[in-house]
Amino acid sequence: MNVRLRHIRVTTIVICSALLLIAAGARAEITPFDADPQLTALEELVTKSSPQGAREGFASYYAARFIGRRTTSGHRYHPEKMTAAHYSLPLGTLVRVINPATKQEVQVTINDRCARKPFPFIDLSRAAAKKIGLWGKGKIKVVIIPLLEEPLQEPA
């Protein structure tokens, strides 16, 4: 009788294991119709790269009339530098801005403030706007990822 019980137990374990493997394999192949593997990879990148978390929002760029004017940090705005304005991120924060439509990205330093909006918003320098394909479009949807905070050096 013990041999028969052992045989039943082993058979049950083998059958259950086989069913689990089949179920796991079948589940791995099922993906939603609207799942975009590139967006999934972008979401993974976003969650891994920022301790403060990423935000979807909008980006625009500084108008030409601001060239040479002082920013909130005291530095002058130079359109060829990789800088940006944000309403709440600390001055000196390094930020990655990604255009999800083209996957182009740029890293900028927050050195100015912009008006508070009901949604995340960032104003980019002309060079940064060109790098992500924003130049000439006015405003686009972006992913804003704060990377790290560094104190800004005093302006010369």
Foldseek 3Di string as FASTA:
>chain_A
DVVVVVVVVVVVVVVVVVVVVVVVVVVVPDDDPPDDVVVVVVVVCQVVQAPVGKFKDKEFADDPVQAQPAAPQRDGDDLQAWAKAWADDDFQWWKWKAQVVVRFIDIHGYHHYDDDDPGGYMYTRNNRCVRRVNPPPGMGIIMIGTHDGDDDDRYD
